[in-house]
Amino acid sequence: MKILVVCGNGLGSSFIAEMNVKKALAELGIEATVSHTDLTTAKSEAADYYIGTPEIVDLLEDGTRRIIRLVNLFNVAEIKKVLQQHLEV
């Protein structure tokens, strides 16, 4: 499973969120490939799930992508909660 963490520039916030997603996945015992990128690149990069804030990932919504919205990219507890909901853990 590939998870792509997306932010506006693909640098700081998505990188920190990527680390938090990896931490949450490890705590849940789920194996996945996680990387981060900017919104423009995400539009052409295939992934099983796209994670980001609603104002960013909603721009990826085209009816074919699985989108996971986070209010706070840095809150590991929230990340775990949404991963459990979306990944059916």
Foldseek 3Di string as FASTA:
>chain_A
DEEEEEDAAFPPLSVLLQVLLVVLCVVVVHDYHYGYGYLVVVLVDDGQEYEYACVRCVVSDDPPHHYQHDPHSNDSVRSNVRCCVRVVD
